[in-house]
N, C-alpha and C. Protein backbone atom coordinates (compact mmCIF):
# COMPACT_ATOMS: atom_id res chain seq x y z
N UNK A 1 0.85 -1.18 0.00
CA UNK A 1 0.00 0.00 0.00
C UNK A 1 0.89 1.24 0.00
N UNK A 2 0.59 2.18 -0.84
CA UNK A 2 1.38 3.40 -0.90
C UNK A 2 1.25 4.15 0.42
N UNK A 3 2.32 4.88 0.74
CA UNK A 3 2.37 5.60 2.01
C UNK A 3 1.22 6.60 2.13
N UNK A 4 0.91 7.36 1.05
CA UNK A 4 -0.17 8.33 1.13
C UNK A 4 -1.52 7.66 1.33
N UNK A 5 -1.75 6.52 0.67
CA UNK A 5 -3.00 5.78 0.87
C UNK A 5 -3.12 5.30 2.31
N UNK A 6 -2.00 4.86 2.88
CA UNK A 6 -2.01 4.39 4.27
C UNK A 6 -2.39 5.53 5.21
N UNK A 7 -1.78 6.72 5.02
CA UNK A 7 -2.08 7.86 5.88
C UNK A 7 -3.53 8.31 5.73
N UNK A 8 -4.04 8.31 4.51
CA UNK A 8 -5.44 8.68 4.29
C UNK A 8 -6.36 7.69 5.01
N UNK A 9 -6.05 6.40 4.94
CA UNK A 9 -6.85 5.39 5.63
C UNK A 9 -6.82 5.58 7.13
N UNK A 10 -5.64 5.86 7.69
CA UNK A 10 -5.51 6.09 9.14
C UNK A 10 -6.31 7.32 9.56
N UNK A 11 -6.21 8.40 8.80
CA UNK A 11 -6.96 9.62 9.13
C UNK A 11 -8.46 9.36 9.05
N UNK A 12 -8.91 8.66 7.99
CA UNK A 12 -10.33 8.36 7.83
C UNK A 12 -10.85 7.54 9.02
N UNK A 13 -10.12 6.50 9.41
CA UNK A 13 -10.56 5.65 10.54
C UNK A 13 -10.56 6.43 11.85
N UNK A 14 -9.57 7.30 12.06
CA UNK A 14 -9.52 8.12 13.27
C UNK A 14 -10.72 9.06 13.34
N UNK A 15 -11.00 9.75 12.24
CA UNK A 15 -12.16 10.66 12.20
C UNK A 15 -13.45 9.88 12.42
N UNK A 16 -13.56 8.69 11.83
CA UNK A 16 -14.75 7.88 11.98
C UNK A 16 -14.96 7.48 13.44
N UNK A 17 -13.90 7.04 14.11
CA UNK A 17 -14.03 6.60 15.51
C UNK A 17 -14.29 7.78 16.44
N UNK A 18 -13.54 8.87 16.29
CA UNK A 18 -13.75 10.03 17.16
C UNK A 18 -15.09 10.68 16.84
N UNK A 19 -15.40 10.81 15.55
CA UNK A 19 -16.65 11.42 15.14
C UNK A 19 -17.86 10.65 15.60
N UNK A 20 -17.75 9.31 15.66
CA UNK A 20 -18.91 8.52 16.07
C UNK A 20 -19.28 8.81 17.52
N UNK A 21 -18.30 9.08 18.36
CA UNK A 21 -18.57 9.42 19.77
C UNK A 21 -19.26 10.78 19.86
N UNK A 22 -18.71 11.77 19.15
CA UNK A 22 -19.29 13.13 19.17
C UNK A 22 -20.68 13.11 18.54
N UNK A 23 -20.79 12.47 17.36
CA UNK A 23 -22.08 12.41 16.67
C UNK A 23 -23.13 11.68 17.49
N UNK A 24 -22.71 10.65 18.24
CA UNK A 24 -23.65 9.88 19.05
C UNK A 24 -24.39 10.74 20.06
N UNK A 25 -23.71 11.75 20.59
CA UNK A 25 -24.34 12.66 21.55
C UNK A 25 -25.42 13.51 20.89
N UNK A 26 -25.29 13.73 19.58
CA UNK A 26 -26.24 14.56 18.84
C UNK A 26 -27.32 13.76 18.13
N UNK A 27 -27.27 12.43 18.24
CA UNK A 27 -28.23 11.58 17.53
C UNK A 27 -27.85 11.36 16.08
N UNK A 28 -26.59 11.67 15.74
CA UNK A 28 -26.08 11.47 14.38
C UNK A 28 -25.15 10.27 14.39
N UNK A 29 -25.40 9.32 13.50
CA UNK A 29 -24.56 8.13 13.45
C UNK A 29 -24.02 7.93 12.03
N UNK A 30 -22.68 7.98 11.85
CA UNK A 30 -22.12 7.66 10.54
C UNK A 30 -22.17 6.15 10.32
N UNK A 31 -22.10 5.75 9.07
CA UNK A 31 -22.15 4.32 8.78
C UNK A 31 -21.54 3.97 7.43
N UNK A 32 -21.37 2.69 7.22
CA UNK A 32 -20.89 2.15 5.95
C UNK A 32 -21.80 1.01 5.55
N UNK A 33 -21.83 0.72 4.23
CA UNK A 33 -22.66 -0.38 3.76
C UNK A 33 -22.05 -0.99 2.50
N UNK A 34 -22.36 -2.25 2.30
CA UNK A 34 -21.97 -2.95 1.08
C UNK A 34 -23.18 -3.77 0.66
N UNK A 35 -23.38 -3.90 -0.63
CA UNK A 35 -24.57 -4.61 -1.08
C UNK A 35 -24.45 -5.11 -2.50
N UNK A 36 -25.59 -5.53 -3.00
CA UNK A 36 -25.67 -6.14 -4.32
C UNK A 36 -26.81 -5.50 -5.08
N UNK A 37 -26.55 -5.12 -6.34
CA UNK A 37 -27.56 -4.53 -7.22
C UNK A 37 -28.04 -5.54 -8.25
N UNK A 38 -29.33 -5.56 -8.51
CA UNK A 38 -29.92 -6.23 -9.67
C UNK A 38 -30.56 -5.11 -10.48
N UNK A 39 -29.88 -4.65 -11.52
CA UNK A 39 -30.31 -3.47 -12.26
C UNK A 39 -30.78 -3.83 -13.67
N UNK A 40 -31.83 -3.16 -14.13
CA UNK A 40 -32.29 -3.29 -15.51
C UNK A 40 -32.70 -1.91 -16.01
N UNK A 41 -32.86 -1.83 -17.30
CA UNK A 41 -33.45 -0.66 -17.92
C UNK A 41 -34.83 -1.06 -18.41
N UNK A 42 -35.81 -0.18 -18.23
CA UNK A 42 -37.14 -0.47 -18.75
C UNK A 42 -37.48 0.59 -19.78
N UNK A 43 -38.32 0.20 -20.71
CA UNK A 43 -38.75 1.14 -21.74
C UNK A 43 -39.06 0.44 -23.03
N UNK A 44 -39.39 1.23 -24.04
CA UNK A 44 -39.77 0.71 -25.35
C UNK A 44 -38.59 -0.05 -25.98
N UNK A 45 -38.85 -1.25 -26.46
CA UNK A 45 -37.82 -2.06 -27.10
C UNK A 45 -36.88 -2.76 -26.15
N UNK A 46 -37.17 -2.73 -24.86
CA UNK A 46 -36.29 -3.36 -23.87
C UNK A 46 -36.94 -4.59 -23.24
N UNK A 47 -37.74 -5.32 -24.01
CA UNK A 47 -38.36 -6.54 -23.50
C UNK A 47 -37.34 -7.67 -23.48
N UNK A 48 -37.46 -8.55 -22.50
CA UNK A 48 -36.60 -9.71 -22.43
C UNK A 48 -35.17 -9.42 -22.00
N UNK A 49 -34.92 -8.28 -21.39
CA UNK A 49 -33.56 -7.98 -20.90
C UNK A 49 -33.36 -8.66 -19.56
N UNK A 50 -32.10 -8.86 -19.21
CA UNK A 50 -31.76 -9.46 -17.92
C UNK A 50 -31.10 -8.43 -17.03
N UNK A 51 -31.10 -8.71 -15.73
CA UNK A 51 -30.48 -7.80 -14.77
C UNK A 51 -28.97 -7.80 -14.89
N UNK A 52 -28.40 -6.64 -14.73
CA UNK A 52 -26.95 -6.52 -14.55
C UNK A 52 -26.71 -6.63 -13.05
N UNK A 53 -25.95 -7.61 -12.63
CA UNK A 53 -25.68 -7.86 -11.22
C UNK A 53 -24.31 -7.32 -10.87
N UNK A 54 -24.23 -6.59 -9.76
CA UNK A 54 -22.96 -5.97 -9.38
C UNK A 54 -22.96 -5.58 -7.90
N UNK A 55 -21.77 -5.30 -7.40
CA UNK A 55 -21.57 -4.88 -6.01
C UNK A 55 -21.77 -3.36 -5.92
N UNK A 56 -22.46 -2.92 -4.86
CA UNK A 56 -22.62 -1.50 -4.57
C UNK A 56 -22.05 -1.24 -3.18
N UNK A 57 -21.38 -0.11 -3.00
CA UNK A 57 -20.79 0.24 -1.71
C UNK A 57 -21.07 1.70 -1.41
N UNK A 58 -21.01 2.03 -0.12
CA UNK A 58 -21.23 3.43 0.23
C UNK A 58 -21.06 3.72 1.70
N UNK A 59 -21.27 4.98 2.02
CA UNK A 59 -21.19 5.47 3.39
C UNK A 59 -22.30 6.50 3.56
N UNK A 60 -22.62 6.79 4.80
CA UNK A 60 -23.66 7.77 5.03
C UNK A 60 -23.80 8.14 6.48
N UNK A 61 -24.86 8.87 6.78
CA UNK A 61 -25.17 9.26 8.15
C UNK A 61 -26.66 9.06 8.39
N UNK A 62 -26.98 8.82 9.64
CA UNK A 62 -28.37 8.73 10.07
C UNK A 62 -28.59 9.73 11.19
N UNK A 63 -29.60 10.56 11.05
CA UNK A 63 -29.97 11.54 12.06
C UNK A 63 -31.28 11.09 12.68
N UNK A 64 -31.20 10.67 13.95
CA UNK A 64 -32.39 10.18 14.66
C UNK A 64 -33.08 11.32 15.38
N UNK A 65 -34.40 11.30 15.34
CA UNK A 65 -35.19 12.25 16.11
C UNK A 65 -36.53 11.60 16.44
N UNK A 66 -37.16 12.05 17.48
CA UNK A 66 -38.44 11.51 17.93
C UNK A 66 -38.38 10.00 18.16
N UNK A 67 -37.26 9.52 18.68
CA UNK A 67 -37.14 8.10 19.03
C UNK A 67 -36.95 7.18 17.84
N UNK A 68 -38.04 6.74 17.24
CA UNK A 68 -37.96 5.71 16.21
C UNK A 68 -38.07 6.26 14.79
N UNK A 69 -37.84 7.56 14.61
CA UNK A 69 -37.89 8.17 13.29
C UNK A 69 -36.51 8.75 12.97
N UNK A 70 -36.05 8.57 11.73
CA UNK A 70 -34.71 9.04 11.36
C UNK A 70 -34.71 9.47 9.90
N UNK A 71 -33.71 10.29 9.58
CA UNK A 71 -33.40 10.63 8.20
C UNK A 71 -32.04 10.01 7.90
N UNK A 72 -31.95 9.28 6.80
CA UNK A 72 -30.70 8.64 6.42
C UNK A 72 -30.27 9.15 5.06
N UNK A 73 -29.03 9.61 4.97
CA UNK A 73 -28.46 10.09 3.70
C UNK A 73 -27.21 9.27 3.41
N UNK A 74 -27.12 8.74 2.20
CA UNK A 74 -25.98 7.91 1.81
C UNK A 74 -25.33 8.49 0.56
N UNK A 75 -24.09 8.11 0.37
CA UNK A 75 -23.38 8.31 -0.90
C UNK A 75 -22.96 6.92 -1.35
N UNK A 76 -23.49 6.48 -2.50
CA UNK A 76 -23.29 5.11 -2.96
C UNK A 76 -22.65 5.07 -4.34
N UNK A 77 -21.75 4.13 -4.53
CA UNK A 77 -21.30 3.77 -5.86
C UNK A 77 -22.27 2.69 -6.32
N UNK A 78 -23.07 2.99 -7.35
CA UNK A 78 -24.17 2.12 -7.74
C UNK A 78 -24.12 1.78 -9.22
N UNK A 79 -23.53 0.62 -9.58
CA UNK A 79 -23.52 0.19 -10.98
C UNK A 79 -24.92 -0.20 -11.44
N UNK A 80 -25.25 0.20 -12.66
CA UNK A 80 -26.57 -0.10 -13.23
C UNK A 80 -26.40 -0.51 -14.68
N UNK A 81 -27.50 -0.67 -15.38
CA UNK A 81 -27.45 -1.06 -16.78
C UNK A 81 -28.32 -2.28 -17.02
N UNK A 82 -27.97 -3.05 -18.05
CA UNK A 82 -28.78 -4.23 -18.37
C UNK A 82 -27.99 -5.17 -19.29
N UNK A 83 -28.43 -6.41 -19.33
CA UNK A 83 -27.89 -7.42 -20.24
C UNK A 83 -28.96 -7.73 -21.28
N UNK A 84 -28.56 -7.78 -22.55
CA UNK A 84 -29.49 -8.06 -23.63
C UNK A 84 -29.40 -9.53 -24.04
N UNK A 85 -30.46 -10.03 -24.68
CA UNK A 85 -30.51 -11.44 -25.09
C UNK A 85 -29.41 -11.81 -26.07
N UNK A 86 -28.94 -10.85 -26.86
CA UNK A 86 -27.88 -11.14 -27.84
C UNK A 86 -26.49 -11.18 -27.22
N UNK A 87 -26.41 -11.00 -25.89
CA UNK A 87 -25.12 -11.06 -25.19
C UNK A 87 -24.47 -9.72 -24.96
N UNK A 88 -24.99 -8.65 -25.54
CA UNK A 88 -24.40 -7.33 -25.30
C UNK A 88 -24.83 -6.80 -23.94
N UNK A 89 -24.09 -5.83 -23.45
CA UNK A 89 -24.32 -5.31 -22.10
C UNK A 89 -24.19 -3.80 -22.10
N UNK A 90 -25.10 -3.13 -21.40
CA UNK A 90 -24.98 -1.70 -21.14
C UNK A 90 -24.60 -1.53 -19.68
N UNK A 91 -23.47 -0.84 -19.44
CA UNK A 91 -22.97 -0.64 -18.08
C UNK A 91 -23.01 0.86 -17.76
N UNK A 92 -23.83 1.22 -16.80
CA UNK A 92 -23.95 2.60 -16.35
C UNK A 92 -23.53 2.64 -14.89
N UNK A 93 -22.51 3.43 -14.58
CA UNK A 93 -22.05 3.53 -13.19
C UNK A 93 -22.38 4.92 -12.66
N UNK A 94 -23.05 4.94 -11.52
CA UNK A 94 -23.53 6.19 -10.93
C UNK A 94 -22.97 6.40 -9.52
N UNK A 95 -22.87 7.66 -9.14
CA UNK A 95 -22.71 8.06 -7.75
C UNK A 95 -24.11 8.48 -7.32
N UNK A 96 -24.71 7.72 -6.41
CA UNK A 96 -26.11 7.96 -6.02
C UNK A 96 -26.17 8.50 -4.60
N UNK A 97 -27.10 9.43 -4.39
CA UNK A 97 -27.30 10.03 -3.07
C UNK A 97 -28.78 9.88 -2.70
N UNK A 98 -29.14 8.77 -2.04
CA UNK A 98 -30.51 8.64 -1.55
C UNK A 98 -30.66 9.36 -0.20
N UNK A 99 -31.77 10.05 -0.02
CA UNK A 99 -32.09 10.70 1.25
C UNK A 99 -33.47 10.18 1.64
N UNK A 100 -33.52 9.33 2.64
CA UNK A 100 -34.76 8.64 2.97
C UNK A 100 -35.21 8.92 4.41
N UNK A 101 -36.51 8.87 4.59
CA UNK A 101 -37.11 8.87 5.93
C UNK A 101 -37.19 7.41 6.35
N UNK A 102 -36.74 7.12 7.56
CA UNK A 102 -36.67 5.76 8.06
C UNK A 102 -37.54 5.66 9.31
N UNK A 103 -38.56 4.83 9.26
CA UNK A 103 -39.45 4.62 10.40
C UNK A 103 -39.15 3.27 11.02
N UNK A 104 -38.66 3.30 12.27
CA UNK A 104 -38.32 2.07 12.98
C UNK A 104 -39.50 1.66 13.86
N UNK A 105 -39.58 0.36 14.12
CA UNK A 105 -40.61 -0.20 14.98
C UNK A 105 -39.94 -0.95 16.13
N UNK A 106 -40.61 -1.09 17.23
CA UNK A 106 -40.13 -1.75 18.45
C UNK A 106 -39.01 -0.93 19.10
N UNK A 107 -39.24 -0.44 20.31
CA UNK A 107 -38.29 0.47 20.96
C UNK A 107 -37.02 -0.20 21.49
N UNK A 108 -36.99 -1.50 21.66
CA UNK A 108 -35.80 -2.17 22.21
C UNK A 108 -35.45 -3.38 21.36
N UNK A 109 -34.17 -3.78 21.41
CA UNK A 109 -33.74 -5.01 20.74
C UNK A 109 -33.65 -4.86 19.25
N UNK A 110 -34.36 -5.71 18.54
CA UNK A 110 -34.34 -5.70 17.08
C UNK A 110 -35.36 -4.69 16.58
N UNK A 111 -34.93 -3.85 15.62
CA UNK A 111 -35.80 -2.80 15.08
C UNK A 111 -36.11 -3.07 13.60
N UNK A 112 -37.27 -3.60 13.27
CA UNK A 112 -37.65 -3.61 11.85
C UNK A 112 -37.90 -2.16 11.42
N UNK A 113 -37.69 -1.86 10.14
CA UNK A 113 -37.93 -0.49 9.68
C UNK A 113 -38.39 -0.48 8.23
N UNK A 114 -39.04 0.63 7.88
CA UNK A 114 -39.43 0.94 6.51
C UNK A 114 -38.76 2.24 6.12
N UNK A 115 -38.49 2.43 4.83
CA UNK A 115 -37.86 3.67 4.38
C UNK A 115 -38.41 4.09 3.03
N UNK A 116 -38.35 5.40 2.78
CA UNK A 116 -38.84 5.94 1.51
C UNK A 116 -38.23 7.33 1.31
N UNK A 117 -37.89 7.65 0.06
CA UNK A 117 -37.39 8.97 -0.22
C UNK A 117 -36.81 9.08 -1.63
N UNK A 118 -36.31 10.27 -1.98
CA UNK A 118 -35.75 10.48 -3.31
C UNK A 118 -34.29 10.00 -3.38
N UNK A 119 -33.86 9.70 -4.61
CA UNK A 119 -32.46 9.34 -4.85
C UNK A 119 -31.97 10.15 -6.05
N UNK A 120 -30.89 10.89 -5.83
CA UNK A 120 -30.27 11.70 -6.87
C UNK A 120 -29.02 10.97 -7.35
N UNK A 121 -28.91 10.71 -8.65
CA UNK A 121 -27.79 9.94 -9.18
C UNK A 121 -27.05 10.75 -10.24
N UNK A 122 -25.72 10.62 -10.23
CA UNK A 122 -24.84 11.34 -11.14
C UNK A 122 -24.00 10.33 -11.91
N UNK A 123 -24.08 10.39 -13.22
CA UNK A 123 -23.42 9.42 -14.09
C UNK A 123 -21.91 9.58 -14.03
N UNK A 124 -21.21 8.46 -13.77
CA UNK A 124 -19.75 8.44 -13.77
C UNK A 124 -19.22 7.92 -15.11
N UNK A 125 -19.71 6.75 -15.52
CA UNK A 125 -19.30 6.15 -16.80
C UNK A 125 -20.50 5.48 -17.45
N UNK A 126 -20.45 5.35 -18.77
CA UNK A 126 -21.50 4.66 -19.52
C UNK A 126 -20.87 3.97 -20.71
N UNK A 127 -21.08 2.66 -20.80
CA UNK A 127 -20.53 1.88 -21.91
C UNK A 127 -21.55 0.88 -22.41
N UNK A 128 -21.54 0.70 -23.74
CA UNK A 128 -22.29 -0.37 -24.38
C UNK A 128 -21.22 -1.33 -24.89
N UNK A 129 -21.09 -2.48 -24.24
CA UNK A 129 -19.96 -3.38 -24.47
C UNK A 129 -18.68 -2.58 -24.22
N UNK A 130 -17.84 -2.35 -25.23
CA UNK A 130 -16.60 -1.60 -25.01
C UNK A 130 -16.66 -0.18 -25.58
N UNK A 131 -17.82 0.27 -26.01
CA UNK A 131 -17.97 1.59 -26.61
C UNK A 131 -18.47 2.59 -25.57
N UNK A 132 -17.78 3.72 -25.46
CA UNK A 132 -18.19 4.77 -24.53
C UNK A 132 -19.44 5.45 -25.07
N UNK A 133 -20.50 5.48 -24.28
CA UNK A 133 -21.77 6.12 -24.69
C UNK A 133 -22.19 7.22 -23.71
N UNK A 134 -21.22 7.74 -22.95
CA UNK A 134 -21.55 8.74 -21.94
C UNK A 134 -22.24 9.97 -22.53
N UNK A 135 -21.91 10.33 -23.77
CA UNK A 135 -22.53 11.49 -24.40
C UNK A 135 -23.97 11.22 -24.82
N UNK A 136 -24.42 9.96 -24.76
CA UNK A 136 -25.79 9.59 -25.13
C UNK A 136 -26.70 9.40 -23.92
N UNK A 137 -26.12 9.51 -22.71
CA UNK A 137 -26.87 9.28 -21.47
C UNK A 137 -26.86 10.56 -20.64
N UNK A 138 -28.00 10.92 -20.10
CA UNK A 138 -28.10 12.13 -19.28
C UNK A 138 -27.20 12.02 -18.05
N UNK A 139 -26.63 13.15 -17.65
CA UNK A 139 -25.65 13.17 -16.56
C UNK A 139 -26.28 12.95 -15.19
N UNK A 140 -27.60 13.21 -15.05
CA UNK A 140 -28.27 13.02 -13.77
C UNK A 140 -29.52 12.16 -13.94
N UNK A 141 -29.89 11.53 -12.84
CA UNK A 141 -31.14 10.76 -12.81
C UNK A 141 -31.80 11.00 -11.46
N UNK A 142 -33.10 10.86 -11.43
CA UNK A 142 -33.87 11.00 -10.20
C UNK A 142 -34.74 9.77 -10.05
N UNK A 143 -34.78 9.22 -8.84
CA UNK A 143 -35.56 8.02 -8.57
C UNK A 143 -36.26 8.15 -7.23
N UNK A 144 -37.25 7.30 -7.02
CA UNK A 144 -37.88 7.13 -5.71
C UNK A 144 -37.41 5.79 -5.16
N UNK A 145 -36.99 5.81 -3.90
CA UNK A 145 -36.51 4.60 -3.23
C UNK A 145 -37.51 4.20 -2.16
N UNK A 146 -37.88 2.92 -2.15
CA UNK A 146 -38.71 2.36 -1.09
C UNK A 146 -38.03 1.07 -0.61
N UNK A 147 -38.24 0.74 0.64
CA UNK A 147 -37.62 -0.49 1.14
C UNK A 147 -37.89 -0.70 2.61
N UNK A 148 -37.15 -1.63 3.15
CA UNK A 148 -37.27 -1.96 4.56
C UNK A 148 -36.15 -2.88 4.98
N UNK A 149 -36.13 -3.16 6.26
CA UNK A 149 -35.08 -4.02 6.77
C UNK A 149 -35.21 -4.22 8.26
N UNK A 150 -34.11 -4.65 8.84
CA UNK A 150 -34.07 -4.88 10.27
C UNK A 150 -32.71 -4.43 10.80
N UNK A 151 -32.74 -3.68 11.93
CA UNK A 151 -31.53 -3.22 12.60
C UNK A 151 -31.39 -3.97 13.91
N UNK A 152 -30.15 -4.34 14.25
CA UNK A 152 -29.90 -5.09 15.47
C UNK A 152 -28.51 -4.76 15.98
N UNK A 153 -28.23 -5.15 17.23
CA UNK A 153 -26.94 -4.89 17.84
C UNK A 153 -25.97 -6.02 17.53
N UNK A 154 -24.74 -5.65 17.15
CA UNK A 154 -23.70 -6.63 16.83
C UNK A 154 -22.37 -6.07 17.30
N UNK A 155 -21.75 -6.73 18.27
CA UNK A 155 -20.46 -6.30 18.82
C UNK A 155 -20.50 -4.86 19.33
N UNK A 156 -21.59 -4.49 19.95
CA UNK A 156 -21.74 -3.17 20.53
C UNK A 156 -22.08 -2.06 19.54
N UNK A 157 -22.23 -2.39 18.29
CA UNK A 157 -22.60 -1.40 17.27
C UNK A 157 -23.93 -1.82 16.64
N UNK A 158 -24.54 -0.91 15.91
CA UNK A 158 -25.78 -1.23 15.21
C UNK A 158 -25.46 -1.77 13.83
N UNK A 159 -26.00 -2.93 13.52
CA UNK A 159 -25.87 -3.52 12.19
C UNK A 159 -27.26 -3.60 11.58
N UNK A 160 -27.33 -3.66 10.26
CA UNK A 160 -28.64 -3.79 9.63
C UNK A 160 -28.54 -4.54 8.31
N UNK A 161 -29.66 -5.12 7.95
CA UNK A 161 -29.85 -5.73 6.64
C UNK A 161 -31.04 -5.01 6.03
N UNK A 162 -30.87 -4.59 4.78
CA UNK A 162 -31.86 -3.71 4.18
C UNK A 162 -32.08 -4.07 2.72
N UNK A 163 -33.33 -4.08 2.30
CA UNK A 163 -33.68 -4.26 0.89
C UNK A 163 -34.32 -2.99 0.37
N UNK A 164 -33.98 -2.62 -0.88
CA UNK A 164 -34.50 -1.39 -1.48
C UNK A 164 -34.90 -1.64 -2.93
N UNK A 165 -35.82 -0.81 -3.40
CA UNK A 165 -36.14 -0.77 -4.82
C UNK A 165 -36.05 0.68 -5.26
N UNK A 166 -35.25 0.94 -6.28
CA UNK A 166 -35.07 2.29 -6.82
C UNK A 166 -35.78 2.37 -8.16
N UNK A 167 -36.80 3.23 -8.24
CA UNK A 167 -37.64 3.37 -9.42
C UNK A 167 -37.29 4.68 -10.11
N UNK A 168 -36.55 4.60 -11.23
CA UNK A 168 -36.16 5.79 -11.97
C UNK A 168 -37.35 6.52 -12.55
N UNK A 169 -37.36 7.83 -12.42
CA UNK A 169 -38.51 8.64 -12.86
C UNK A 169 -38.33 9.25 -14.25
N UNK A 170 -37.09 9.39 -14.70
CA UNK A 170 -36.84 10.12 -15.95
C UNK A 170 -36.18 9.24 -17.00
N UNK A 171 -36.40 9.62 -18.27
CA UNK A 171 -35.71 9.01 -19.39
C UNK A 171 -34.22 9.34 -19.26
N UNK A 172 -33.35 8.32 -19.28
CA UNK A 172 -31.92 8.58 -19.13
C UNK A 172 -31.23 8.85 -20.47
N UNK A 173 -31.92 8.65 -21.59
CA UNK A 173 -31.32 8.92 -22.90
C UNK A 173 -31.21 10.42 -23.13
N UNK A 174 -30.08 10.85 -23.66
CA UNK A 174 -29.83 12.27 -23.90
C UNK A 174 -30.79 12.85 -24.93
N UNK A 175 -31.09 12.11 -25.97
CA UNK A 175 -32.01 12.58 -27.01
C UNK A 175 -33.42 12.13 -26.66
N UNK A 176 -34.33 13.07 -26.48
CA UNK A 176 -35.71 12.73 -26.13
C UNK A 176 -36.42 11.98 -27.25
N UNK A 177 -35.90 12.09 -28.50
CA UNK A 177 -36.52 11.39 -29.62
C UNK A 177 -36.26 9.89 -29.56
N UNK A 178 -35.19 9.47 -28.85
CA UNK A 178 -34.89 8.05 -28.72
C UNK A 178 -35.95 7.39 -27.86
N UNK A 179 -36.08 6.06 -27.95
CA UNK A 179 -37.01 5.39 -27.04
C UNK A 179 -36.61 5.68 -25.59
N UNK A 180 -37.60 5.82 -24.75
CA UNK A 180 -37.36 6.13 -23.34
C UNK A 180 -36.78 4.92 -22.61
N UNK A 181 -35.75 5.16 -21.79
CA UNK A 181 -35.15 4.12 -20.94
C UNK A 181 -35.07 4.66 -19.52
N UNK A 182 -35.51 3.85 -18.56
CA UNK A 182 -35.48 4.26 -17.16
C UNK A 182 -34.81 3.20 -16.32
N UNK A 183 -34.06 3.65 -15.30
CA UNK A 183 -33.38 2.74 -14.39
C UNK A 183 -34.36 2.08 -13.43
N UNK A 184 -34.18 0.78 -13.22
CA UNK A 184 -34.92 0.01 -12.23
C UNK A 184 -33.90 -0.84 -11.49
N UNK A 185 -33.81 -0.67 -10.17
CA UNK A 185 -32.76 -1.35 -9.41
C UNK A 185 -33.30 -1.94 -8.12
N UNK A 186 -33.09 -3.25 -7.95
CA UNK A 186 -33.30 -3.92 -6.66
C UNK A 186 -31.96 -3.94 -5.95
N UNK A 187 -31.94 -3.64 -4.65
CA UNK A 187 -30.69 -3.61 -3.89
C UNK A 187 -30.85 -4.34 -2.57
N UNK A 188 -29.80 -5.04 -2.16
CA UNK A 188 -29.73 -5.68 -0.85
C UNK A 188 -28.44 -5.24 -0.19
N UNK A 189 -28.54 -4.63 1.00
CA UNK A 189 -27.38 -4.10 1.70
C UNK A 189 -27.21 -4.72 3.08
N UNK A 190 -25.95 -4.78 3.50
CA UNK A 190 -25.58 -5.04 4.90
C UNK A 190 -24.78 -3.84 5.34
N UNK A 191 -25.09 -3.29 6.50
CA UNK A 191 -24.39 -2.09 6.93
C UNK A 191 -24.17 -2.01 8.42
N UNK A 192 -23.33 -1.06 8.82
CA UNK A 192 -23.03 -0.80 10.22
C UNK A 192 -23.17 0.69 10.48
N UNK A 193 -23.74 1.04 11.64
CA UNK A 193 -23.81 2.41 12.11
C UNK A 193 -22.94 2.52 13.34
N UNK A 194 -22.11 3.57 13.41
CA UNK A 194 -21.15 3.71 14.52
C UNK A 194 -21.63 4.67 15.57
């Protein structure tokens, strides 16, 4: 590991550990998550496509208020796209920022929860097989996220398992004359709150 990468990692972990203590007093909890995406594109001429399966990772914060109600904001690396029957693949990689309201149930022990909110996504790369198509895909996307999960205590920290569905609201094609394509993503995450 390069020396600068090592120092950045040490600083990040130190801020995370110290910050979690300070944030805890304010009801703010930072966290990390890793998960799996099943992504497709929907629209005219996109029948019979298969999901593009990929790993998604991210970090975020949760602001708790009124006991079992919270706002959760994440920054996620979220690969999307689709696989076509002829073997070709569209790969769209986004930086996504979902901001959801999280309603927890049961005041002690295991907390099942539901969540809902908007997701703002920013295109990082776009390829059709090995051809760059970033100029053909809109730079931003907006989606509605719904989901749920369960939070529990693990080694003195809060851990959770969460399922989400991200429903893209806008045509992602740059030219409005092209057939409309919208992102549809199922996600399964495992995460920790500090």
